[in-house]
């Protein structure tokens, strides 16, 4: 969940494997027309991260080779970032706090990948 002034966005894995449900609130009231379900990956969702400004959502699956960036308001795909070709469990995703210009991806392989968004 990220709260940005008067707007709140909650992202969580949906009942369909690989999907993410986004729920938006404005002035603490649910925005029915702003609820989205994104079919983000073929496999189960392993990690999610929202940028502080609510302009980007990052997702990874249990395969851990691809990170996908989404617009949480529209549900449209923004970018696809390749972490590697060998499967890995992603342990953490984190946007750079102020501008969300960078995304850090930590995996079980004891590596950290930093991508420019």
C-alpha atoms as a PDB file:
ATOM      1  CA  UNK A   1       0.000   0.000   0.000  1.00  0.00           C
ATOM      2  CA  UNK A   2       1.232   3.466  -0.884  1.00  0.00           C
ATOM      3  CA  UNK A   3      -0.390   6.693   0.260  1.00  0.00           C
ATOM      4  CA  UNK A   4       0.338   9.857  -1.699  1.00  0.00           C
ATOM      5  CA  UNK A   5      -1.321  13.008  -0.257  1.00  0.00           C
ATOM      6  CA  UNK A   6      -5.045  12.301  -0.781  1.00  0.00           C
ATOM      7  CA  UNK A   7      -4.593   9.159  -2.897  1.00  0.00           C
ATOM      8  CA  UNK A   8      -4.020   5.570  -1.732  1.00  0.00           C
ATOM      9  CA  UNK A   9      -3.211   2.551  -3.888  1.00  0.00           C
ATOM     10  CA  UNK A  10      -3.178  -1.051  -2.700  1.00  0.00           C
ATOM     11  CA  UNK A  11      -1.559  -3.742  -4.883  1.00  0.00           C
ATOM     12  CA  UNK A  12      -1.877  -7.421  -4.030  1.00  0.00           C
ATOM     13  CA  UNK A  13      -1.711 -10.771  -5.840  1.00  0.00           C
ATOM     14  CA  UNK A  14      -5.098 -11.730  -7.289  1.00  0.00           C
ATOM     15  CA  UNK A  15      -6.773 -15.163  -7.163  1.00  0.00           C
ATOM     16  CA  UNK A  16      -5.658 -15.938 -10.735  1.00  0.00           C
ATOM     17  CA  UNK A  17      -1.951 -16.888 -10.670  1.00  0.00           C
ATOM     18  CA  UNK A  18       0.208 -14.181 -12.214  1.00  0.00           C
ATOM     19  CA  UNK A  19      -2.403 -11.450 -11.760  1.00  0.00           C
ATOM     20  CA  UNK A  20      -2.297  -8.340  -9.591  1.00  0.00           C
ATOM     21  CA  UNK A  21      -5.298  -6.494  -8.176  1.00  0.00           C
ATOM     22  CA  UNK A  22      -5.011  -2.729  -7.778  1.00  0.00           C
ATOM     23  CA  UNK A  23      -7.473  -0.833  -5.592  1.00  0.00           C
ATOM     24  CA  UNK A  24      -7.455   2.976  -5.612  1.00  0.00           C
ATOM     25  CA  UNK A  25      -8.846   5.320  -2.993  1.00  0.00           C
ATOM     26  CA  UNK A  26      -9.264   9.076  -3.277  1.00  0.00           C
ATOM     27  CA  UNK A  27      -9.996  11.033  -0.101  1.00  0.00           C
ATOM     28  CA  UNK A  28     -10.277   7.628   1.655  1.00  0.00           C
ATOM     29  CA  UNK A  29     -13.178   6.544  -0.616  1.00  0.00           C
ATOM     30  CA  UNK A  30     -12.864   3.561  -3.002  1.00  0.00           C
ATOM     31  CA  UNK A  31     -12.751   4.572  -6.661  1.00  0.00           C
ATOM     32  CA  UNK A  32     -14.829   1.877  -8.344  1.00  0.00           C
ATOM     33  CA  UNK A  33     -13.772   2.858 -11.871  1.00  0.00           C
ATOM     34  CA  UNK A  34     -10.101   2.798 -10.819  1.00  0.00           C
ATOM     35  CA  UNK A  35      -9.962  -0.839  -9.676  1.00  0.00           C
ATOM     36  CA  UNK A  36      -7.838  -2.935 -12.024  1.00  0.00           C
ATOM     37  CA  UNK A  37      -6.674  -6.512 -12.415  1.00  0.00           C
ATOM     38  CA  UNK A  38      -3.457  -6.890 -14.392  1.00  0.00           C
ATOM     39  CA  UNK A  39      -2.430 -10.214 -15.954  1.00  0.00           C
ATOM     40  CA  UNK A  40       1.228  -9.543 -15.174  1.00  0.00           C
ATOM     41  CA  UNK A  41       2.962 -12.949 -15.500  1.00  0.00           C
ATOM     42  CA  UNK A  42       2.300 -16.573 -16.436  1.00  0.00           C
ATOM     43  CA  UNK A  43       3.615 -17.805 -13.085  1.00  0.00           C
ATOM     44  CA  UNK A  44       2.675 -16.890  -9.530  1.00  0.00           C
ATOM     45  CA  UNK A  45       3.479 -13.319  -8.400  1.00  0.00           C
ATOM     46  CA  UNK A  46       6.484 -13.290  -6.059  1.00  0.00           C
ATOM     47  CA  UNK A  47       7.103  -9.572  -5.411  1.00  0.00           C
ATOM     48  CA  UNK A  48       5.321  -6.240  -5.939  1.00  0.00           C
ATOM     49  CA  UNK A  49       6.477  -2.658  -5.462  1.00  0.00           C
ATOM     50  CA  UNK A  50       4.709   0.661  -5.983  1.00  0.00           C
ATOM     51  CA  UNK A  51       6.578   3.904  -6.539  1.00  0.00           C
ATOM     52  CA  UNK A  52       5.964   6.658  -3.995  1.00  0.00           C
ATOM     53  CA  UNK A  53       4.335   8.882  -6.640  1.00  0.00           C
ATOM     54  CA  UNK A  54       2.025   5.989  -7.681  1.00  0.00           C
ATOM     55  CA  UNK A  55       3.165   6.201 -11.315  1.00  0.00           C
ATOM     56  CA  UNK A  56       4.766   2.737 -11.460  1.00  0.00           C
ATOM     57  CA  UNK A  57       4.145  -0.791 -10.248  1.00  0.00           C
ATOM     58  CA  UNK A  58       6.929  -3.390 -10.502  1.00  0.00           C
ATOM     59  CA  UNK A  59       6.095  -7.109 -10.546  1.00  0.00           C
ATOM     60  CA  UNK A  60       8.068 -10.353 -10.621  1.00  0.00           C
ATOM     61  CA  UNK A  61       6.955 -13.955 -10.885  1.00  0.00           C
ATOM     62  CA  UNK A  62       8.210 -17.056  -9.140  1.00  0.00           C
ATOM     63  CA  UNK A  63      10.539 -17.651 -12.117  1.00  0.00           C
ATOM     64  CA  UNK A  64      12.409 -14.421 -11.317  1.00  0.00           C
ATOM     65  CA  UNK A  65      13.922 -13.713 -14.732  1.00  0.00           C
ATOM     66  CA  UNK A  66      11.790 -10.717 -15.749  1.00  0.00           C
ATOM     67  CA  UNK A  67      10.636  -7.594 -13.917  1.00  0.00           C
ATOM     68  CA  UNK A  68       7.645  -5.855 -15.455  1.00  0.00           C
ATOM     69  CA  UNK A  69       6.704  -2.223 -14.915  1.00  0.00           C
ATOM     70  CA  UNK A  70       3.078  -1.119 -15.123  1.00  0.00           C
ATOM     71  CA  UNK A  71       1.068   2.079 -14.875  1.00  0.00           C
ATOM     72  CA  UNK A  72      -1.101   1.324 -11.819  1.00  0.00           C
ATOM     73  CA  UNK A  73      -3.818   3.798 -12.851  1.00  0.00           C
ATOM     74  CA  UNK A  74      -4.360   2.451 -16.368  1.00  0.00           C
ATOM     75  CA  UNK A  75      -3.035  -1.094 -16.017  1.00  0.00           C
ATOM     76  CA  UNK A  76      -0.902  -0.628 -19.133  1.00  0.00           C
ATOM     77  CA  UNK A  77       2.562  -2.137 -19.487  1.00  0.00           C
ATOM     78  CA  UNK A  78       5.436   0.379 -19.361  1.00  0.00           C
ATOM     79  CA  UNK A  79       8.650  -1.687 -19.566  1.00  0.00           C
ATOM     80  CA  UNK A  80      10.055  -5.175 -19.246  1.00  0.00           C
ATOM     81  CA  UNK A  81      13.432  -5.584 -17.539  1.00  0.00           C
ATOM     82  CA  UNK A  82      15.475  -8.787 -17.769  1.00  0.00           C
ATOM     83  CA  UNK A  83      17.141  -9.802 -14.487  1.00  0.00           C
ATOM     84  CA  UNK A  84      18.811 -12.856 -15.988  1.00  0.00           C
ATOM     85  CA  UNK A  85      18.134 -16.098 -17.845  1.00  0.00           C
ATOM     86  CA  UNK A  86      18.487 -18.476 -14.890  1.00  0.00           C
ATOM     87  CA  UNK A  87      15.511 -18.721 -12.522  1.00  0.00           C
ATOM     88  CA  UNK A  88      15.954 -17.041  -9.136  1.00  0.00           C
ATOM     89  CA  UNK A  89      13.734 -16.179  -6.208  1.00  0.00           C
ATOM     90  CA  UNK A  90      13.341 -12.410  -6.018  1.00  0.00           C
ATOM     91  CA  UNK A  91      13.568 -11.359  -2.383  1.00  0.00           C
ATOM     92  CA  UNK A  92      12.947  -7.615  -2.673  1.00  0.00           C
ATOM     93  CA  UNK A  93      11.974  -4.846  -5.126  1.00  0.00           C
ATOM     94  CA  UNK A  94      12.460  -1.202  -4.270  1.00  0.00           C
ATOM     95  CA  UNK A  95      12.060   2.039  -6.219  1.00  0.00           C
ATOM     96  CA  UNK A  96      14.380   4.965  -5.542  1.00  0.00           C
ATOM     97  CA  UNK A  97      12.293   6.974  -3.084  1.00  0.00           C
ATOM     98  CA  UNK A  98      12.198  10.517  -4.454  1.00  0.00           C
ATOM     99  CA  UNK A  99      11.929  10.144  -8.234  1.00  0.00           C
ATOM    100  CA  UNK A 100      11.475   6.392  -8.890  1.00  0.00           C
ATOM    101  CA  UNK A 101      14.134   6.768 -11.565  1.00  0.00           C
ATOM    102  CA  UNK A 102      15.812   3.524 -10.436  1.00  0.00           C
ATOM    103  CA  UNK A 103      14.548   0.113  -9.344  1.00  0.00           C
ATOM    104  CA  UNK A 104      16.646  -2.257  -7.221  1.00  0.00           C
ATOM    105  CA  UNK A 105      16.015  -6.001  -7.492  1.00  0.00           C
ATOM    106  CA  UNK A 106      17.538  -8.381  -4.909  1.00  0.00           C
ATOM    107  CA  UNK A 107      17.545 -12.127  -5.461  1.00  0.00           C
ATOM    108  CA  UNK A 108      18.490 -15.332  -3.688  1.00  0.00           C
ATOM    109  CA  UNK A 109      21.612 -15.399  -5.890  1.00  0.00           C
ATOM    110  CA  UNK A 110      23.135 -12.754  -3.589  1.00  0.00           C
ATOM    111  CA  UNK A 111      22.999 -10.181  -6.370  1.00  0.00           C
ATOM    112  CA  UNK A 112      21.427  -6.755  -6.644  1.00  0.00           C
ATOM    113  CA  UNK A 113      20.386  -5.459 -10.049  1.00  0.00           C
ATOM    114  CA  UNK A 114      19.717  -1.746 -10.428  1.00  0.00           C
ATOM    115  CA  UNK A 115      17.637  -0.683 -13.431  1.00  0.00           C
ATOM    116  CA  UNK A 116      16.909   2.778 -14.754  1.00  0.00           C
ATOM    117  CA  UNK A 117      13.147   3.082 -15.123  1.00  0.00           C
END
